[in-house]
Amino acid sequence: MLDPVAGSLERYMDLLAARQKLVASNIANAETPGYRTVDIDFESEFRSLVEGGQPRVVEVAGLEVNHDGNNVSLDREARMLAENGLRFDVAETLLKSQVQSVREAISGGGGG
């Protein structure tokens, strides 16, 4: 591990990957009668993940339920995909910056 920040970024990206899978599953089941939308309570799960836990999947409350018992909102899931992608891109950029800093320190490119 590079340092605690890089380790946290790595765990954050793992959490984002888990969320991406859930959103994809929600979209895939948009027409499945009785399917209930699931997600991750992102803030509390990130705290737990930093401490070494695994993400806990929960049913999303407050969504409109269709006549067949399904509550997947494709608008919500599309928004979640976009938000998750942006978060992942930011985390990836920060992690690359950490790696670059370590490379520069190793090669003596710090200029000091």
N, C-alpha and C. Protein backbone atom coordinates (compact mmCIF):
# COMPACT_ATOMS: atom_id res chain seq x y z
N MET A 1 0.85 -1.18 0.00
CA MET A 1 0.00 0.00 0.00
C MET A 1 0.89 1.24 0.00
N LEU A 2 0.54 2.22 -0.80
CA LEU A 2 1.36 3.42 -0.90
C LEU A 2 1.33 4.23 0.39
N ASP A 3 0.18 4.53 0.88
CA ASP A 3 -0.01 5.25 2.13
C ASP A 3 -1.48 5.14 2.51
N PRO A 4 -1.85 5.65 3.67
CA PRO A 4 -3.26 5.53 4.07
C PRO A 4 -4.25 6.16 3.09
N VAL A 5 -3.87 7.27 2.47
CA VAL A 5 -4.78 7.92 1.51
C VAL A 5 -5.00 7.02 0.31
N ALA A 6 -3.93 6.46 -0.22
CA ALA A 6 -4.05 5.57 -1.38
C ALA A 6 -4.87 4.34 -1.02
N GLY A 7 -4.66 3.81 0.18
CA GLY A 7 -5.44 2.66 0.61
C GLY A 7 -6.91 2.98 0.71
N SER A 8 -7.23 4.17 1.22
CA SER A 8 -8.63 4.59 1.31
C SER A 8 -9.23 4.77 -0.07
N LEU A 9 -8.46 5.34 -0.99
CA LEU A 9 -8.95 5.51 -2.36
C LEU A 9 -9.22 4.16 -3.01
N GLU A 10 -8.33 3.21 -2.76
CA GLU A 10 -8.52 1.87 -3.32
C GLU A 10 -9.81 1.24 -2.78
N ARG A 11 -10.05 1.36 -1.49
CA ARG A 11 -11.27 0.81 -0.90
C ARG A 11 -12.51 1.56 -1.40
N TYR A 12 -12.38 2.87 -1.58
CA TYR A 12 -13.47 3.68 -2.13
C TYR A 12 -13.84 3.19 -3.53
N MET A 13 -12.83 2.91 -4.34
CA MET A 13 -13.07 2.43 -5.70
C MET A 13 -13.70 1.03 -5.66
N ASP A 14 -13.33 0.21 -4.70
CA ASP A 14 -13.97 -1.10 -4.54
C ASP A 14 -15.46 -0.93 -4.23
N LEU A 15 -15.77 0.03 -3.37
CA LEU A 15 -17.17 0.31 -3.02
C LEU A 15 -17.94 0.81 -4.24
N LEU A 16 -17.31 1.68 -5.02
CA LEU A 16 -17.95 2.17 -6.24
C LEU A 16 -18.21 1.03 -7.23
N ALA A 17 -17.27 0.10 -7.32
CA ALA A 17 -17.45 -1.05 -8.22
C ALA A 17 -18.62 -1.91 -7.75
N ALA A 18 -18.73 -2.10 -6.45
CA ALA A 18 -19.85 -2.89 -5.90
C ALA A 18 -21.17 -2.19 -6.20
N ARG A 19 -21.19 -0.86 -6.07
CA ARG A 19 -22.42 -0.11 -6.34
C ARG A 19 -22.77 -0.19 -7.82
N GLN A 20 -21.76 -0.14 -8.68
CA GLN A 20 -22.01 -0.21 -10.12
C GLN A 20 -22.71 -1.52 -10.48
N LYS A 21 -22.28 -2.61 -9.85
CA LYS A 21 -22.91 -3.92 -10.09
C LYS A 21 -24.36 -3.91 -9.63
N LEU A 22 -24.64 -3.28 -8.49
CA LEU A 22 -26.01 -3.23 -8.00
C LEU A 22 -26.91 -2.43 -8.93
N VAL A 23 -26.41 -1.29 -9.40
CA VAL A 23 -27.20 -0.46 -10.31
C VAL A 23 -27.48 -1.22 -11.59
N ALA A 24 -26.47 -1.91 -12.11
CA ALA A 24 -26.67 -2.71 -13.33
C ALA A 24 -27.72 -3.80 -13.10
N SER A 25 -27.69 -4.40 -11.92
CA SER A 25 -28.69 -5.42 -11.59
C SER A 25 -30.09 -4.81 -11.50
N ASN A 26 -30.18 -3.62 -10.90
CA ASN A 26 -31.47 -2.94 -10.83
C ASN A 26 -32.02 -2.69 -12.22
N ILE A 27 -31.18 -2.21 -13.12
CA ILE A 27 -31.61 -1.93 -14.49
C ILE A 27 -32.03 -3.23 -15.19
N ALA A 28 -31.24 -4.27 -15.01
CA ALA A 28 -31.55 -5.56 -15.65
C ALA A 28 -32.89 -6.12 -15.17
N ASN A 29 -33.30 -5.75 -13.96
CA ASN A 29 -34.54 -6.27 -13.39
C ASN A 29 -35.69 -5.27 -13.43
N ALA A 30 -35.56 -4.24 -14.26
CA ALA A 30 -36.58 -3.19 -14.32
C ALA A 30 -37.95 -3.73 -14.73
N GLU A 31 -38.00 -4.84 -15.41
CA GLU A 31 -39.27 -5.42 -15.84
C GLU A 31 -39.63 -6.69 -15.07
N THR A 32 -38.87 -7.02 -14.05
CA THR A 32 -39.11 -8.24 -13.26
C THR A 32 -40.17 -7.97 -12.20
N PRO A 33 -41.33 -8.62 -12.30
CA PRO A 33 -42.38 -8.40 -11.30
C PRO A 33 -41.87 -8.70 -9.89
N GLY A 34 -42.18 -7.80 -8.98
CA GLY A 34 -41.82 -7.97 -7.58
C GLY A 34 -40.39 -7.62 -7.22
N TYR A 35 -39.57 -7.26 -8.21
CA TYR A 35 -38.18 -6.92 -7.92
C TYR A 35 -38.13 -5.60 -7.16
N ARG A 36 -37.30 -5.54 -6.14
CA ARG A 36 -37.15 -4.33 -5.34
C ARG A 36 -35.74 -3.77 -5.53
N THR A 37 -35.66 -2.48 -5.75
CA THR A 37 -34.39 -1.79 -5.97
C THR A 37 -33.49 -1.90 -4.74
N VAL A 38 -32.22 -2.20 -4.98
CA VAL A 38 -31.24 -2.27 -3.90
C VAL A 38 -30.11 -1.29 -4.17
N ASP A 39 -29.44 -0.88 -3.10
CA ASP A 39 -28.34 0.06 -3.19
C ASP A 39 -27.46 -0.12 -1.96
N ILE A 40 -26.47 0.75 -1.84
CA ILE A 40 -25.57 0.77 -0.69
C ILE A 40 -25.73 2.12 -0.02
N ASP A 41 -25.83 2.13 1.32
CA ASP A 41 -25.81 3.39 2.07
C ASP A 41 -24.36 3.87 2.01
N PHE A 42 -24.08 4.74 1.05
CA PHE A 42 -22.71 5.01 0.65
C PHE A 42 -21.83 5.56 1.77
N GLU A 43 -22.30 6.56 2.49
CA GLU A 43 -21.47 7.19 3.52
C GLU A 43 -21.12 6.22 4.64
N SER A 44 -22.12 5.54 5.18
CA SER A 44 -21.83 4.63 6.28
C SER A 44 -21.02 3.43 5.81
N GLU A 45 -21.27 2.98 4.59
CA GLU A 45 -20.52 1.84 4.07
C GLU A 45 -19.07 2.20 3.78
N PHE A 46 -18.81 3.43 3.37
CA PHE A 46 -17.42 3.83 3.15
C PHE A 46 -16.67 3.83 4.48
N ARG A 47 -17.31 4.37 5.51
CA ARG A 47 -16.66 4.34 6.84
C ARG A 47 -16.37 2.90 7.24
N SER A 48 -17.33 2.02 7.04
CA SER A 48 -17.16 0.61 7.40
C SER A 48 -16.07 -0.04 6.55
N LEU A 49 -16.04 0.28 5.26
CA LEU A 49 -15.07 -0.31 4.36
C LEU A 49 -13.65 0.12 4.72
N VAL A 50 -13.49 1.39 5.09
CA VAL A 50 -12.18 1.88 5.51
C VAL A 50 -11.69 1.08 6.72
N GLU A 51 -12.63 0.64 7.54
CA GLU A 51 -12.28 -0.15 8.71
C GLU A 51 -12.17 -1.63 8.39
N GLY A 52 -12.33 -2.02 7.13
CA GLY A 52 -12.12 -3.40 6.71
C GLY A 52 -13.37 -4.22 6.49
N GLY A 53 -14.55 -3.63 6.57
CA GLY A 53 -15.79 -4.38 6.37
C GLY A 53 -16.15 -4.54 4.90
N GLN A 54 -17.22 -5.27 4.65
CA GLN A 54 -17.75 -5.45 3.30
C GLN A 54 -19.02 -4.62 3.15
N PRO A 55 -19.30 -4.12 1.93
CA PRO A 55 -20.52 -3.32 1.75
C PRO A 55 -21.78 -4.13 2.03
N ARG A 56 -22.75 -3.48 2.67
CA ARG A 56 -24.03 -4.10 2.99
C ARG A 56 -25.07 -3.55 2.03
N VAL A 57 -25.78 -4.43 1.36
CA VAL A 57 -26.80 -4.06 0.39
C VAL A 57 -28.12 -3.90 1.12
N VAL A 58 -28.83 -2.79 0.82
CA VAL A 58 -30.12 -2.53 1.44
C VAL A 58 -31.15 -2.20 0.37
N GLU A 59 -32.41 -2.48 0.67
CA GLU A 59 -33.48 -2.09 -0.23
C GLU A 59 -33.67 -0.58 -0.14
N VAL A 60 -33.88 0.05 -1.29
CA VAL A 60 -34.07 1.49 -1.33
C VAL A 60 -35.51 1.82 -0.94
N ALA A 61 -35.65 2.65 0.06
CA ALA A 61 -36.98 3.04 0.54
C ALA A 61 -37.50 4.25 -0.22
N GLY A 62 -38.81 4.41 -0.24
CA GLY A 62 -39.44 5.60 -0.78
C GLY A 62 -39.64 5.64 -2.28
N LEU A 63 -39.40 4.53 -2.97
CA LEU A 63 -39.60 4.52 -4.42
C LEU A 63 -41.02 4.07 -4.74
N GLU A 64 -41.57 4.61 -5.81
CA GLU A 64 -42.91 4.24 -6.25
C GLU A 64 -42.92 2.79 -6.71
N VAL A 65 -43.92 2.05 -6.26
CA VAL A 65 -44.05 0.64 -6.62
C VAL A 65 -45.07 0.51 -7.74
N ASN A 66 -44.68 -0.19 -8.82
CA ASN A 66 -45.58 -0.43 -9.94
C ASN A 66 -46.63 -1.48 -9.58
N HIS A 67 -47.59 -1.66 -10.45
CA HIS A 67 -48.67 -2.63 -10.21
C HIS A 67 -48.16 -4.06 -10.05
N ASP A 68 -46.98 -4.36 -10.61
CA ASP A 68 -46.44 -5.72 -10.49
C ASP A 68 -45.48 -5.87 -9.30
N GLY A 69 -45.40 -4.84 -8.45
CA GLY A 69 -44.56 -4.91 -7.26
C GLY A 69 -43.12 -4.47 -7.49
N ASN A 70 -42.75 -4.13 -8.71
CA ASN A 70 -41.41 -3.69 -9.04
C ASN A 70 -41.29 -2.20 -8.72
N ASN A 71 -40.14 -1.78 -8.20
CA ASN A 71 -39.97 -0.35 -7.90
C ASN A 71 -38.72 0.25 -8.54
N VAL A 72 -38.20 -0.35 -9.60
CA VAL A 72 -37.01 0.18 -10.27
C VAL A 72 -37.40 1.42 -11.07
N SER A 73 -36.68 2.51 -10.84
CA SER A 73 -36.84 3.74 -11.60
C SER A 73 -35.63 3.86 -12.52
N LEU A 74 -35.86 3.72 -13.82
CA LEU A 74 -34.73 3.81 -14.76
C LEU A 74 -34.07 5.18 -14.72
N ASP A 75 -34.84 6.23 -14.45
CA ASP A 75 -34.24 7.57 -14.33
C ASP A 75 -33.27 7.61 -13.15
N ARG A 76 -33.69 7.06 -12.01
CA ARG A 76 -32.83 7.03 -10.83
C ARG A 76 -31.58 6.21 -11.10
N GLU A 77 -31.73 5.06 -11.72
CA GLU A 77 -30.59 4.18 -11.97
C GLU A 77 -29.62 4.80 -12.96
N ALA A 78 -30.13 5.50 -13.98
CA ALA A 78 -29.25 6.19 -14.93
C ALA A 78 -28.46 7.28 -14.22
N ARG A 79 -29.13 8.01 -13.32
CA ARG A 79 -28.46 9.05 -12.53
C ARG A 79 -27.38 8.42 -11.63
N MET A 80 -27.70 7.27 -11.03
CA MET A 80 -26.74 6.58 -10.17
C MET A 80 -25.52 6.11 -10.97
N LEU A 81 -25.75 5.60 -12.18
CA LEU A 81 -24.63 5.19 -13.04
C LEU A 81 -23.71 6.37 -13.34
N ALA A 82 -24.30 7.50 -13.70
CA ALA A 82 -23.51 8.68 -14.04
C ALA A 82 -22.74 9.19 -12.81
N GLU A 83 -23.41 9.28 -11.68
CA GLU A 83 -22.77 9.74 -10.44
C GLU A 83 -21.64 8.80 -10.04
N ASN A 84 -21.90 7.53 -10.10
CA ASN A 84 -20.90 6.54 -9.72
C ASN A 84 -19.69 6.62 -10.65
N GLY A 85 -19.93 6.80 -11.94
CA GLY A 85 -18.83 6.92 -12.90
C GLY A 85 -17.97 8.13 -12.62
N LEU A 86 -18.60 9.26 -12.28
CA LEU A 86 -17.84 10.47 -11.95
C LEU A 86 -17.01 10.26 -10.69
N ARG A 87 -17.60 9.66 -9.68
CA ARG A 87 -16.86 9.39 -8.44
C ARG A 87 -15.66 8.49 -8.70
N PHE A 88 -15.87 7.46 -9.52
CA PHE A 88 -14.78 6.54 -9.84
C PHE A 88 -13.67 7.27 -10.57
N ASP A 89 -14.03 8.13 -11.53
CA ASP A 89 -13.02 8.89 -12.28
C ASP A 89 -12.19 9.78 -11.36
N VAL A 90 -12.85 10.45 -10.41
CA VAL A 90 -12.13 11.30 -9.46
C VAL A 90 -11.19 10.47 -8.60
N ALA A 91 -11.68 9.35 -8.08
CA ALA A 91 -10.84 8.48 -7.25
C ALA A 91 -9.65 7.95 -8.04
N GLU A 92 -9.90 7.56 -9.29
CA GLU A 92 -8.82 7.04 -10.13
C GLU A 92 -7.76 8.12 -10.37
N THR A 93 -8.18 9.34 -10.63
CA THR A 93 -7.25 10.45 -10.84
C THR A 93 -6.42 10.71 -9.59
N LEU A 94 -7.06 10.70 -8.44
CA LEU A 94 -6.33 10.91 -7.19
C LEU A 94 -5.34 9.78 -6.92
N LEU A 95 -5.74 8.55 -7.19
CA LEU A 95 -4.85 7.42 -6.98
C LEU A 95 -3.66 7.48 -7.94
N LYS A 96 -3.91 7.84 -9.19
CA LYS A 96 -2.80 7.99 -10.15
C LYS A 96 -1.83 9.07 -9.69
N SER A 97 -2.36 10.15 -9.12
CA SER A 97 -1.52 11.22 -8.60
C SER A 97 -0.64 10.72 -7.46
N GLN A 98 -1.20 9.88 -6.59
CA GLN A 98 -0.44 9.29 -5.49
C GLN A 98 0.69 8.42 -6.03
N VAL A 99 0.39 7.60 -7.01
CA VAL A 99 1.39 6.72 -7.60
C VAL A 99 2.49 7.55 -8.26
N GLN A 100 2.11 8.59 -8.97
CA GLN A 100 3.09 9.45 -9.63
C GLN A 100 4.01 10.12 -8.61
N SER A 101 3.47 10.55 -7.49
CA SER A 101 4.28 11.17 -6.44
C SER A 101 5.32 10.18 -5.90
N VAL A 102 4.90 8.94 -5.71
CA VAL A 102 5.83 7.91 -5.23
C VAL A 102 6.92 7.65 -6.28
N ARG A 103 6.53 7.57 -7.54
CA ARG A 103 7.52 7.36 -8.61
C ARG A 103 8.54 8.49 -8.65
N GLU A 104 8.07 9.72 -8.51
CA GLU A 104 8.98 10.86 -8.53
C GLU A 104 9.92 10.82 -7.33
N ALA A 105 9.39 10.44 -6.17
CA ALA A 105 10.24 10.36 -4.98
C ALA A 105 11.31 9.27 -5.16
N ILE A 106 10.94 8.14 -5.76
CA ILE A 106 11.88 7.06 -5.95
C ILE A 106 12.97 7.44 -6.95
N SER A 107 12.56 8.13 -8.01
CA SER A 107 13.53 8.49 -9.05
C SER A 107 14.32 9.76 -8.70
N GLY A 108 14.00 10.40 -7.59
CA GLY A 108 14.72 11.61 -7.20
C GLY A 108 14.28 12.82 -7.97
N GLY A 109 13.09 12.74 -8.57
CA GLY A 109 12.59 13.84 -9.40
C GLY A 109 11.90 14.91 -8.61
N GLY A 110 12.04 14.92 -7.31
CA GLY A 110 11.38 15.92 -6.47
C GLY A 110 11.98 17.30 -6.62
N GLY A 111 13.18 17.41 -7.16
CA GLY A 111 13.80 18.70 -7.44
C GLY A 111 14.40 19.38 -6.23
N GLY A 112 14.35 18.81 -5.05
CA GLY A 112 14.70 19.40 -3.80
C GLY A 112 16.04 19.86 -3.60
